[in-house]
Amino acid sequence: MPNVGGLALFCDDIRLEAGGKVSYMGIYGNDMLISGPSPVLLPKLSIAAHIQIPSSLERANLKVLVLRDTDGNSEELISMEGEIERPQNIEVADNTYTQAILHLNAVPFQIAKDCDVKVRAYVDGEEFKLGTLPIRFVDQSRE
């Protein structure tokens, strides 16, 4: 399997703008810290998954999963799957890629305890890690 790359951006919202532009609002950094009592209900957790598939693959099955891991248990939040084809006008070379950009939303998104939200892509069954957002409750009594 050729090397697939990509990343996941976690944010508060993904907005479609005039002229076909997209804005990512409230992008989280290394983690999400919550300073308040549990549980917390977010109106939305948005995820932008950018996946680069080498142009040498003419066609592939692409599956993207968003998982929540809590205390060693994994829960599937979002699953999308379909075929991706190399565009006809793209050059087939070592440094060219077909790009898939998926905008995913968990609406609403409840957080009951510390967890990790993970985004995984599967190209023809092979797993590629796109990113993880650790979510942690901060104990305000210690501050």
C-alpha atoms as a PDB file:
ATOM      1  CA  MET A   1       0.000   0.000   0.000  1.00  0.00           C
ATOM      2  CA  PRO A   2       1.404   3.413  -0.900  1.00  0.00           C
ATOM      3  CA  ASN A   3       1.874   5.863   1.970  1.00  0.00           C
ATOM      4  CA  VAL A   4      -1.341   7.680   2.882  1.00  0.00           C
ATOM      5  CA  GLY A   5      -1.114  10.864   4.938  1.00  0.00           C
ATOM      6  CA  GLY A   6      -3.491  13.231   6.594  1.00  0.00           C
ATOM      7  CA  LEU A   7      -4.615  15.060   9.666  1.00  0.00           C
ATOM      8  CA  ALA A   8      -7.699  15.841  11.686  1.00  0.00           C
ATOM      9  CA  LEU A   9      -8.526  19.313  12.959  1.00  0.00           C
ATOM     10  CA  PHE A  10     -10.921  19.482  15.914  1.00  0.00           C
ATOM     11  CA  CYS A  11     -12.959  22.671  16.285  1.00  0.00           C
ATOM     12  CA  ASP A  12     -16.207  24.226  17.513  1.00  0.00           C
ATOM     13  CA  ASP A  13     -17.704  24.765  14.055  1.00  0.00           C
ATOM     14  CA  ILE A  14     -17.036  24.504  10.329  1.00  0.00           C
ATOM     15  CA  ARG A  15     -18.700  27.255   8.319  1.00  0.00           C
ATOM     16  CA  LEU A  16     -19.248  27.455   4.587  1.00  0.00           C
ATOM     17  CA  GLU A  17     -18.528  31.007   3.428  1.00  0.00           C
ATOM     18  CA  ALA A  18     -19.366  32.966   0.305  1.00  0.00           C
ATOM     19  CA  GLY A  19     -17.343  31.989  -2.736  1.00  0.00           C
ATOM     20  CA  GLY A  20     -16.933  28.392  -1.600  1.00  0.00           C
ATOM     21  CA  LYS A  21     -14.503  29.173   1.222  1.00  0.00           C
ATOM     22  CA  VAL A  22     -14.554  27.213   4.463  1.00  0.00           C
ATOM     23  CA  SER A  23     -13.762  28.605   7.921  1.00  0.00           C
ATOM     24  CA  TYR A  24     -12.764  26.487  10.903  1.00  0.00           C
ATOM     25  CA  MET A  25     -13.936  28.212  14.100  1.00  0.00           C
ATOM     26  CA  GLY A  26     -12.436  27.612  17.538  1.00  0.00           C
ATOM     27  CA  ILE A  27      -9.699  25.144  16.587  1.00  0.00           C
ATOM     28  CA  TYR A  28      -8.484  23.077  19.546  1.00  0.00           C
ATOM     29  CA  GLY A  29      -4.768  22.687  20.129  1.00  0.00           C
ATOM     30  CA  ASN A  30      -3.199  19.685  21.819  1.00  0.00           C
ATOM     31  CA  ASP A  31      -6.236  18.983  24.003  1.00  0.00           C
ATOM     32  CA  MET A  32      -9.598  20.213  25.289  1.00  0.00           C
ATOM     33  CA  LEU A  33      -9.636  21.211  28.955  1.00  0.00           C
ATOM     34  CA  ILE A  34     -12.974  21.542  30.731  1.00  0.00           C
ATOM     35  CA  SER A  35     -13.080  23.514  33.961  1.00  0.00           C
ATOM     36  CA  GLY A  36     -16.476  22.670  35.315  1.00  0.00           C
ATOM     37  CA  PRO A  37     -18.609  19.852  36.615  1.00  0.00           C
ATOM     38  CA  SER A  38     -19.374  16.745  34.612  1.00  0.00           C
ATOM     39  CA  PRO A  39     -21.244  16.075  32.390  1.00  0.00           C
ATOM     40  CA  VAL A  40     -20.836  18.806  29.757  1.00  0.00           C
ATOM     41  CA  LEU A  41     -22.990  19.092  26.653  1.00  0.00           C
ATOM     42  CA  LEU A  42     -21.401  20.845  23.689  1.00  0.00           C
ATOM     43  CA  PRO A  43     -23.790  21.918  20.929  1.00  0.00           C
ATOM     44  CA  LYS A  44     -21.327  20.491  18.410  1.00  0.00           C
ATOM     45  CA  LEU A  45     -17.850  19.059  17.970  1.00  0.00           C
ATOM     46  CA  SER A  46     -16.657  19.539  14.401  1.00  0.00           C
ATOM     47  CA  ILE A  47     -13.835  17.610  12.760  1.00  0.00           C
ATOM     48  CA  ALA A  48     -12.096  18.387   9.489  1.00  0.00           C
ATOM     49  CA  ALA A  49     -10.392  15.240   8.187  1.00  0.00           C
ATOM     50  CA  HIS A  50      -7.852  15.885   5.415  1.00  0.00           C
ATOM     51  CA  ILE A  51      -6.618  12.708   3.741  1.00  0.00           C
ATOM     52  CA  GLN A  52      -3.965  12.482   1.015  1.00  0.00           C
ATOM     53  CA  ILE A  53      -3.960   9.337  -1.097  1.00  0.00           C
ATOM     54  CA  PRO A  54      -1.061   8.799  -3.526  1.00  0.00           C
ATOM     55  CA  SER A  55      -2.028   9.298  -7.173  1.00  0.00           C
ATOM     56  CA  SER A  56      -0.665   5.834  -7.944  1.00  0.00           C
ATOM     57  CA  LEU A  57      -3.944   4.433  -6.564  1.00  0.00           C
ATOM     58  CA  GLU A  58      -6.545   4.654  -9.314  1.00  0.00           C
ATOM     59  CA  ARG A  59      -9.432   3.690  -7.041  1.00  0.00           C
ATOM     60  CA  ALA A  60      -9.705   2.825  -3.354  1.00  0.00           C
ATOM     61  CA  ASN A  61     -12.271   2.211  -0.656  1.00  0.00           C
ATOM     62  CA  LEU A  62     -12.078   4.999   1.931  1.00  0.00           C
ATOM     63  CA  LYS A  63     -13.608   4.670   5.387  1.00  0.00           C
ATOM     64  CA  VAL A  64     -13.327   7.319   8.100  1.00  0.00           C
ATOM     65  CA  LEU A  65     -14.175   6.600  11.743  1.00  0.00           C
ATOM     66  CA  VAL A  66     -14.474   8.931  14.708  1.00  0.00           C
ATOM     67  CA  LEU A  67     -14.142   7.051  17.987  1.00  0.00           C
ATOM     68  CA  ARG A  68     -14.388   8.023  21.631  1.00  0.00           C
ATOM     69  CA  ASP A  69     -12.135   6.051  23.987  1.00  0.00           C
ATOM     70  CA  THR A  70     -13.128   6.194  27.650  1.00  0.00           C
ATOM     71  CA  ASP A  71     -11.549   3.996  30.333  1.00  0.00           C
ATOM     72  CA  GLY A  72     -10.358   1.490  27.730  1.00  0.00           C
ATOM     73  CA  ASN A  73     -13.756   1.249  26.004  1.00  0.00           C
ATOM     74  CA  SER A  74     -14.176   2.469  22.430  1.00  0.00           C
ATOM     75  CA  GLU A  75     -17.428   3.965  21.109  1.00  0.00           C
ATOM     76  CA  GLU A  76     -18.036   4.733  17.436  1.00  0.00           C
ATOM     77  CA  LEU A  77     -19.373   8.280  17.032  1.00  0.00           C
ATOM     78  CA  ILE A  78     -19.254   8.753  13.246  1.00  0.00           C
ATOM     79  CA  SER A  79     -18.597   6.400  10.332  1.00  0.00           C
ATOM     80  CA  MET A  80     -18.409   7.283   6.636  1.00  0.00           C
ATOM     81  CA  GLU A  81     -17.394   4.995   3.788  1.00  0.00           C
ATOM     82  CA  GLY A  82     -17.206   5.146   0.014  1.00  0.00           C
ATOM     83  CA  GLU A  83     -15.083   4.801  -3.094  1.00  0.00           C
ATOM     84  CA  ILE A  84     -12.514   7.419  -4.018  1.00  0.00           C
ATOM     85  CA  GLU A  85     -11.153   7.722  -7.551  1.00  0.00           C
ATOM     86  CA  ARG A  86      -8.082   9.444  -8.851  1.00  0.00           C
ATOM     87  CA  PRO A  87      -9.135  12.561 -10.810  1.00  0.00           C
ATOM     88  CA  GLN A  88      -8.571  12.165 -14.547  1.00  0.00           C
ATOM     89  CA  ASN A  89      -6.508  15.326 -14.825  1.00  0.00           C
ATOM     90  CA  ILE A  90      -3.999  14.490 -12.064  1.00  0.00           C
ATOM     91  CA  GLU A  91      -0.454  13.445 -12.914  1.00  0.00           C
ATOM     92  CA  VAL A  92       0.538  10.027 -11.617  1.00  0.00           C
ATOM     93  CA  ALA A  93       3.858  10.582  -9.837  1.00  0.00           C
ATOM     94  CA  ASP A  94       5.555   9.916  -6.502  1.00  0.00           C
ATOM     95  CA  ASN A  95       4.767  13.413  -5.222  1.00  0.00           C
ATOM     96  CA  THR A  96       1.125  13.840  -6.332  1.00  0.00           C
ATOM     97  CA  TYR A  97      -1.926  12.980  -4.274  1.00  0.00           C
ATOM     98  CA  THR A  98      -5.691  12.756  -4.446  1.00  0.00           C
ATOM     99  CA  GLN A  99      -7.076  14.724  -1.535  1.00  0.00           C
ATOM    100  CA  ALA A 100     -10.253  13.873   0.334  1.00  0.00           C
ATOM    101  CA  ILE A 101     -11.576  16.492   2.755  1.00  0.00           C
ATOM    102  CA  LEU A 102     -14.403  15.441   5.046  1.00  0.00           C
ATOM    103  CA  HIS A 103     -16.258  17.728   7.423  1.00  0.00           C
ATOM    104  CA  LEU A 104     -17.815  15.758  10.265  1.00  0.00           C
ATOM    105  CA  ASN A 105     -20.032  16.890  13.138  1.00  0.00           C
ATOM    106  CA  ALA A 106     -20.977  15.205  16.405  1.00  0.00           C
ATOM    107  CA  VAL A 107     -24.221  17.002  17.319  1.00  0.00           C
ATOM    108  CA  PRO A 108     -24.738  17.343  20.259  1.00  0.00           C
ATOM    109  CA  PHE A 109     -21.570  16.102  21.920  1.00  0.00           C
ATOM    110  CA  GLN A 110     -21.829  15.027  25.564  1.00  0.00           C
ATOM    111  CA  ILE A 111     -18.723  14.580  27.677  1.00  0.00           C
ATOM    112  CA  ALA A 112     -19.224  12.673  30.917  1.00  0.00           C
ATOM    113  CA  LYS A 113     -15.582  12.016  31.841  1.00  0.00           C
ATOM    114  CA  ASP A 114     -12.030  12.201  30.543  1.00  0.00           C
ATOM    115  CA  CYS A 115     -11.772  10.633  27.089  1.00  0.00           C
ATOM    116  CA  ASP A 116      -9.906  10.692  23.780  1.00  0.00           C
ATOM    117  CA  VAL A 117     -11.610  11.413  20.458  1.00  0.00           C
ATOM    118  CA  LYS A 118      -9.726   9.614  17.676  1.00  0.00           C
ATOM    119  CA  VAL A 119     -10.033   9.927  13.903  1.00  0.00           C
ATOM    120  CA  ARG A 120      -8.940   6.995  11.761  1.00  0.00           C
ATOM    121  CA  ALA A 121      -8.932   6.544   7.993  1.00  0.00           C
ATOM    122  CA  TYR A 122      -8.947   3.150   6.319  1.00  0.00           C
ATOM    123  CA  VAL A 123      -7.800   2.920   2.707  1.00  0.00           C
ATOM    124  CA  ASP A 124      -8.577  -0.506   1.277  1.00  0.00           C
ATOM    125  CA  GLY A 125      -8.712  -1.764   4.868  1.00  0.00           C
ATOM    126  CA  GLU A 126      -5.347  -0.392   6.009  1.00  0.00           C
ATOM    127  CA  GLU A 127      -5.555   1.951   9.031  1.00  0.00           C
ATOM    128  CA  PHE A 128      -4.064   5.452   9.098  1.00  0.00           C
ATOM    129  CA  LYS A 129      -4.181   7.618  12.230  1.00  0.00           C
ATOM    130  CA  LEU A 130      -5.309  11.168  11.450  1.00  0.00           C
ATOM    131  CA  GLY A 131      -5.416  12.599  14.956  1.00  0.00           C
ATOM    132  CA  THR A 132      -6.518  12.392  18.574  1.00  0.00           C
ATOM    133  CA  LEU A 133      -8.064  15.034  20.819  1.00  0.00           C
ATOM    134  CA  PRO A 134      -7.582  14.271  24.534  1.00  0.00           C
ATOM    135  CA  ILE A 135     -10.445  15.754  26.575  1.00  0.00           C
ATOM    136  CA  ARG A 136      -9.760  16.305  30.259  1.00  0.00           C
ATOM    137  CA  PHE A 137     -11.725  17.739  33.180  1.00  0.00           C
ATOM    138  CA  VAL A 138      -9.639  20.178  35.258  1.00  0.00           C
ATOM    139  CA  ASP A 139     -10.112  20.087  39.008  1.00  0.00           C
ATOM    140  CA  GLN A 140     -10.656  23.749  39.918  1.00  0.00           C
ATOM    141  CA  SER A 141     -10.364  23.041  43.658  1.00  0.00           C
ATOM    142  CA  ARG A 142      -6.595  22.475  43.213  1.00  0.00           C
ATOM    143  CA  GLU A 143      -5.967  25.769  41.438  1.00  0.00           C
END
